[in-house]
Amino acid sequence: MKISFELKIALIFLVTGFFWVLFSSEAVALMANDPAAIIQIEKYKGWFYVLLMTVVLYILIHREVSLQKFLYNRLEESQKKLLDQNKKLKEYAFVTSHHLRRPLANILALVQLFNPDNISDPNNRIAIENIKLSSEDLDKIIRQTNELVDDSSGAID
């Protein structure tokens, strides 16, 4: 069970205060019999307790604040990486939705123009040549897309 930071501080203050009151008053009684001396020692004892708890609380709060700052900085770094990754994903989406569509649409249109009933049709040769060019263009775009994906892989730790 993890104890919250606030509860941890309260428990430290409570336990320290309890034992301080319990044992320090007896120590004062052993050190002095004169009521004026006891009052003076009790005053110093109180100030010492305040100083001790101030130092302890400062250390605890400083550690917690340092941890929170560290975590915040890590969060900012992660956010920057995510934004960069998001930009690369948008580029990838653009490439796949626009650049890939053009040569594919060309190939589909050229296949429609191809006349399988008349193989000697002169338009068939033109269609095949353009299908080859569009296929090479499509292959080039797919390779560029793969490079984009390879460059962005592992961007987020």
C-alpha atoms as a PDB file:
ATOM      1  CA  MET A   1       0.000   0.000   0.000  1.00  0.00           C
ATOM      2  CA  LYS A   2       1.428   3.345  -1.048  1.00  0.00           C
ATOM      3  CA  ILE A   3       1.000   6.159   1.450  1.00  0.00           C
ATOM      4  CA  SER A   4       0.242   9.570  -0.031  1.00  0.00           C
ATOM      5  CA  PHE A   5       2.778  12.348   0.331  1.00  0.00           C
ATOM      6  CA  GLU A   6       0.423  14.421   2.507  1.00  0.00           C
ATOM      7  CA  LEU A   7      -0.320  11.517   4.850  1.00  0.00           C
ATOM      8  CA  LYS A   8       3.381  10.676   5.102  1.00  0.00           C
ATOM      9  CA  ILE A   9       4.182  14.229   6.248  1.00  0.00           C
ATOM     10  CA  ALA A  10       1.303  14.238   8.723  1.00  0.00           C
ATOM     11  CA  LEU A  11       2.371  10.873  10.185  1.00  0.00           C
ATOM     12  CA  ILE A  12       5.996  11.982  10.527  1.00  0.00           C
ATOM     13  CA  PHE A  13       4.868  15.149  12.268  1.00  0.00           C
ATOM     14  CA  LEU A  14       2.505  13.192  14.560  1.00  0.00           C
ATOM     15  CA  VAL A  15       4.987  10.451  15.517  1.00  0.00           C
ATOM     16  CA  THR A  16       7.872  12.878  15.997  1.00  0.00           C
ATOM     17  CA  GLY A  17       5.694  15.211  18.070  1.00  0.00           C
ATOM     18  CA  PHE A  18       4.375  12.339  20.194  1.00  0.00           C
ATOM     19  CA  PHE A  19       7.829  11.010  21.058  1.00  0.00           C
ATOM     20  CA  TRP A  20       9.216  14.518  21.486  1.00  0.00           C
ATOM     21  CA  VAL A  21       6.597  15.422  24.058  1.00  0.00           C
ATOM     22  CA  LEU A  22       6.804  12.034  25.769  1.00  0.00           C
ATOM     23  CA  PHE A  23      10.573  11.853  26.199  1.00  0.00           C
ATOM     24  CA  SER A  24      11.850  15.427  26.151  1.00  0.00           C
ATOM     25  CA  SER A  25       9.781  16.545  29.139  1.00  0.00           C
ATOM     26  CA  GLU A  26      11.223  13.715  31.222  1.00  0.00           C
ATOM     27  CA  ALA A  27      14.722  14.633  30.047  1.00  0.00           C
ATOM     28  CA  VAL A  28      14.133  18.244  31.125  1.00  0.00           C
ATOM     29  CA  ALA A  29      12.960  17.062  34.552  1.00  0.00           C
ATOM     30  CA  LEU A  30      16.163  15.060  34.956  1.00  0.00           C
ATOM     31  CA  MET A  31      18.324  18.011  33.897  1.00  0.00           C
ATOM     32  CA  ALA A  32      16.913  20.705  36.168  1.00  0.00           C
ATOM     33  CA  ASN A  33      14.973  21.135  39.418  1.00  0.00           C
ATOM     34  CA  ASP A  34      14.703  24.909  39.379  1.00  0.00           C
ATOM     35  CA  PRO A  35      11.345  26.057  37.878  1.00  0.00           C
ATOM     36  CA  ALA A  36      12.969  29.024  36.121  1.00  0.00           C
ATOM     37  CA  ALA A  37      15.588  26.751  34.528  1.00  0.00           C
ATOM     38  CA  ILE A  38      12.882  24.276  33.490  1.00  0.00           C
ATOM     39  CA  ILE A  39      10.904  27.076  31.779  1.00  0.00           C
ATOM     40  CA  GLN A  40      14.039  28.231  29.945  1.00  0.00           C
ATOM     41  CA  ILE A  41      14.941  24.685  28.853  1.00  0.00           C
ATOM     42  CA  GLU A  42      11.326  24.020  27.747  1.00  0.00           C
ATOM     43  CA  LYS A  43      11.457  27.180  25.616  1.00  0.00           C
ATOM     44  CA  TYR A  44      14.689  26.042  23.936  1.00  0.00           C
ATOM     45  CA  LYS A  45      13.267  22.550  23.585  1.00  0.00           C
ATOM     46  CA  GLY A  46      10.225  23.966  21.765  1.00  0.00           C
ATOM     47  CA  TRP A  47      12.370  26.041  19.423  1.00  0.00           C
ATOM     48  CA  PHE A  48      14.614  23.054  18.755  1.00  0.00           C
ATOM     49  CA  TYR A  49      11.557  20.975  17.849  1.00  0.00           C
ATOM     50  CA  VAL A  50      10.288  23.688  15.489  1.00  0.00           C
ATOM     51  CA  LEU A  51      13.728  23.902  13.848  1.00  0.00           C
ATOM     52  CA  LEU A  52      14.020  20.105  13.578  1.00  0.00           C
ATOM     53  CA  MET A  53      10.559  19.750  12.004  1.00  0.00           C
ATOM     54  CA  THR A  54      11.234  22.650   9.645  1.00  0.00           C
ATOM     55  CA  VAL A  55      14.339  20.874   8.343  1.00  0.00           C
ATOM     56  CA  VAL A  56      12.565  17.503   8.064  1.00  0.00           C
ATOM     57  CA  LEU A  57       9.547  19.013   6.297  1.00  0.00           C
ATOM     58  CA  TYR A  58      11.791  21.027   3.974  1.00  0.00           C
ATOM     59  CA  ILE A  59      13.709  17.891   2.980  1.00  0.00           C
ATOM     60  CA  LEU A  60      10.519  15.909   2.368  1.00  0.00           C
ATOM     61  CA  ILE A  61       8.824  18.671   0.404  1.00  0.00           C
ATOM     62  CA  HIS A  62      11.991  19.415  -1.583  1.00  0.00           C
ATOM     63  CA  ARG A  63      12.297  15.738  -2.572  1.00  0.00           C
ATOM     64  CA  GLU A  64       8.647  15.617  -3.639  1.00  0.00           C
ATOM     65  CA  VAL A  65       8.873  18.861  -5.622  1.00  0.00           C
ATOM     66  CA  SER A  66      12.086  17.667  -7.324  1.00  0.00           C
ATOM     67  CA  LEU A  67      10.384  14.411  -8.247  1.00  0.00           C
ATOM     68  CA  GLN A  68       7.359  16.284  -9.610  1.00  0.00           C
ATOM     69  CA  LYS A  69       9.638  18.564 -11.687  1.00  0.00           C
ATOM     70  CA  PHE A  70      11.503  15.543 -13.033  1.00  0.00           C
ATOM     71  CA  LEU A  71       8.255  13.805 -13.954  1.00  0.00           C
ATOM     72  CA  TYR A  72       6.911  16.988 -15.558  1.00  0.00           C
ATOM     73  CA  ASN A  73      10.055  17.318 -17.678  1.00  0.00           C
ATOM     74  CA  ARG A  74       9.750  13.666 -18.752  1.00  0.00           C
ATOM     75  CA  LEU A  75       6.113  14.308 -19.639  1.00  0.00           C
ATOM     76  CA  GLU A  76       7.100  17.330 -21.755  1.00  0.00           C
ATOM     77  CA  GLU A  77       9.767  15.257 -23.542  1.00  0.00           C
ATOM     78  CA  SER A  78       7.232  12.519 -24.230  1.00  0.00           C
ATOM     79  CA  GLN A  79       4.747  15.077 -25.489  1.00  0.00           C
ATOM     80  CA  LYS A  80       7.346  16.521 -27.898  1.00  0.00           C
ATOM     81  CA  LYS A  81       8.114  13.018 -29.180  1.00  0.00           C
ATOM     82  CA  LEU A  82       4.412  12.325 -29.606  1.00  0.00           C
ATOM     83  CA  LEU A  83       3.912  15.576 -31.515  1.00  0.00           C
ATOM     84  CA  ASP A  84       6.844  14.694 -33.772  1.00  0.00           C
ATOM     85  CA  GLN A  85       5.446  11.204 -34.283  1.00  0.00           C
ATOM     86  CA  ASN A  86       2.031  12.696 -35.037  1.00  0.00           C
ATOM     87  CA  LYS A  87       3.595  14.969 -37.673  1.00  0.00           C
ATOM     88  CA  LYS A  88       5.271  11.965 -39.297  1.00  0.00           C
ATOM     89  CA  LEU A  89       2.013  10.038 -39.231  1.00  0.00           C
ATOM     90  CA  LYS A  90       0.245  12.952 -40.931  1.00  0.00           C
ATOM     91  CA  GLU A  91       2.953  12.969 -43.608  1.00  0.00           C
ATOM     92  CA  TYR A  92       2.512   9.231 -44.033  1.00  0.00           C
ATOM     93  CA  ALA A  93      -1.273   9.618 -44.319  1.00  0.00           C
ATOM     94  CA  PHE A  94      -0.827  12.363 -46.907  1.00  0.00           C
ATOM     95  CA  VAL A  95       1.546  10.233 -48.970  1.00  0.00           C
ATOM     96  CA  THR A  96      -0.676   7.190 -48.837  1.00  0.00           C
ATOM     97  CA  SER A  97      -3.891   9.058 -49.559  1.00  0.00           C
ATOM     98  CA  HIS A  98      -2.631  11.360 -52.319  1.00  0.00           C
ATOM     99  CA  HIS A  99       0.567  10.143 -53.901  1.00  0.00           C
ATOM    100  CA  LEU A 100      -0.392   6.468 -54.019  1.00  0.00           C
ATOM    101  CA  ARG A 101      -3.835   7.209 -55.376  1.00  0.00           C
ATOM    102  CA  ARG A 102      -2.606   8.989 -58.550  1.00  0.00           C
ATOM    103  CA  PRO A 103      -0.589   6.129 -60.126  1.00  0.00           C
ATOM    104  CA  LEU A 104      -3.153   3.579 -58.983  1.00  0.00           C
ATOM    105  CA  ALA A 105      -5.955   5.581 -60.622  1.00  0.00           C
ATOM    106  CA  ASN A 106      -3.840   5.752 -63.805  1.00  0.00           C
ATOM    107  CA  ILE A 107      -3.343   1.988 -63.802  1.00  0.00           C
ATOM    108  CA  LEU A 108      -7.048   1.344 -63.249  1.00  0.00           C
ATOM    109  CA  ALA A 109      -7.995   3.721 -66.075  1.00  0.00           C
ATOM    110  CA  LEU A 110      -5.457   2.177 -68.450  1.00  0.00           C
ATOM    111  CA  VAL A 111      -6.711  -1.317 -67.686  1.00  0.00           C
ATOM    112  CA  GLN A 112     -10.171  -0.078 -68.673  1.00  0.00           C
ATOM    113  CA  LEU A 113      -8.755   1.167 -72.001  1.00  0.00           C
ATOM    114  CA  PHE A 114      -7.024  -2.122 -72.755  1.00  0.00           C
ATOM    115  CA  ASN A 115      -8.900  -4.091 -75.426  1.00  0.00           C
ATOM    116  CA  PRO A 116      -8.514  -7.819 -74.700  1.00  0.00           C
ATOM    117  CA  ASP A 117     -10.776  -8.737 -77.636  1.00  0.00           C
ATOM    118  CA  ASN A 118      -8.338  -7.228 -80.175  1.00  0.00           C
ATOM    119  CA  ILE A 119      -4.754  -7.822 -79.048  1.00  0.00           C
ATOM    120  CA  SER A 120      -3.380  -6.029 -82.118  1.00  0.00           C
ATOM    121  CA  ASP A 121      -5.233  -2.808 -81.210  1.00  0.00           C
ATOM    122  CA  PRO A 122      -2.530  -0.038 -81.268  1.00  0.00           C
ATOM    123  CA  ASN A 123      -4.057   1.490 -78.101  1.00  0.00           C
ATOM    124  CA  ASN A 124      -3.159  -1.699 -76.195  1.00  0.00           C
ATOM    125  CA  ARG A 125       0.569  -1.034 -76.684  1.00  0.00           C
ATOM    126  CA  ILE A 126       0.134   2.544 -75.400  1.00  0.00           C
ATOM    127  CA  ALA A 127      -1.951   1.291 -72.456  1.00  0.00           C
ATOM    128  CA  ILE A 128       0.669  -1.350 -71.535  1.00  0.00           C
ATOM    129  CA  GLU A 129       3.511   1.213 -71.743  1.00  0.00           C
ATOM    130  CA  ASN A 130       1.586   3.625 -69.506  1.00  0.00           C
ATOM    131  CA  ILE A 131       0.642   0.831 -67.087  1.00  0.00           C
ATOM    132  CA  LYS A 132       4.374   0.043 -66.827  1.00  0.00           C
ATOM    133  CA  LEU A 133       5.228   3.721 -66.180  1.00  0.00           C
ATOM    134  CA  SER A 134       2.461   4.109 -63.604  1.00  0.00           C
ATOM    135  CA  SER A 135       3.512   0.838 -61.929  1.00  0.00           C
ATOM    136  CA  GLU A 136       7.112   2.083 -61.665  1.00  0.00           C
ATOM    137  CA  ASP A 137       5.846   5.395 -60.278  1.00  0.00           C
ATOM    138  CA  LEU A 138       3.711   3.516 -57.760  1.00  0.00           C
ATOM    139  CA  ASP A 139       6.706   1.351 -56.773  1.00  0.00           C
ATOM    140  CA  LYS A 140       8.829   4.484 -56.242  1.00  0.00           C
ATOM    141  CA  ILE A 141       6.164   6.056 -54.019  1.00  0.00           C
ATOM    142  CA  ILE A 142       5.795   2.851 -51.983  1.00  0.00           C
ATOM    143  CA  ARG A 143       9.576   2.763 -51.447  1.00  0.00           C
ATOM    144  CA  GLN A 144       9.545   6.409 -50.310  1.00  0.00           C
ATOM    145  CA  THR A 145       6.651   5.623 -47.980  1.00  0.00           C
ATOM    146  CA  ASN A 146       8.584   2.697 -46.532  1.00  0.00           C
ATOM    147  CA  GLU A 147      11.568   4.977 -45.944  1.00  0.00           C
ATOM    148  CA  LEU A 148       9.296   7.423 -44.142  1.00  0.00           C
ATOM    149  CA  VAL A 149       7.957   4.609 -41.949  1.00  0.00           C
ATOM    150  CA  ASP A 150      11.474   3.259 -41.288  1.00  0.00           C
ATOM    151  CA  ASP A 151      12.714   6.732 -40.305  1.00  0.00           C
ATOM    152  CA  SER A 152       9.873   7.206 -37.819  1.00  0.00           C
ATOM    153  CA  SER A 153      10.014   3.749 -36.221  1.00  0.00           C
ATOM    154  CA  GLY A 154      11.250   3.780 -32.667  1.00  0.00           C
ATOM    155  CA  ALA A 155      10.667   7.529 -32.319  1.00  0.00           C
ATOM    156  CA  ILE A 156       8.803   6.995 -29.052  1.00  0.00           C
ATOM    157  CA  ASP A 157      10.709   5.294 -26.226  1.00  0.00           C
END
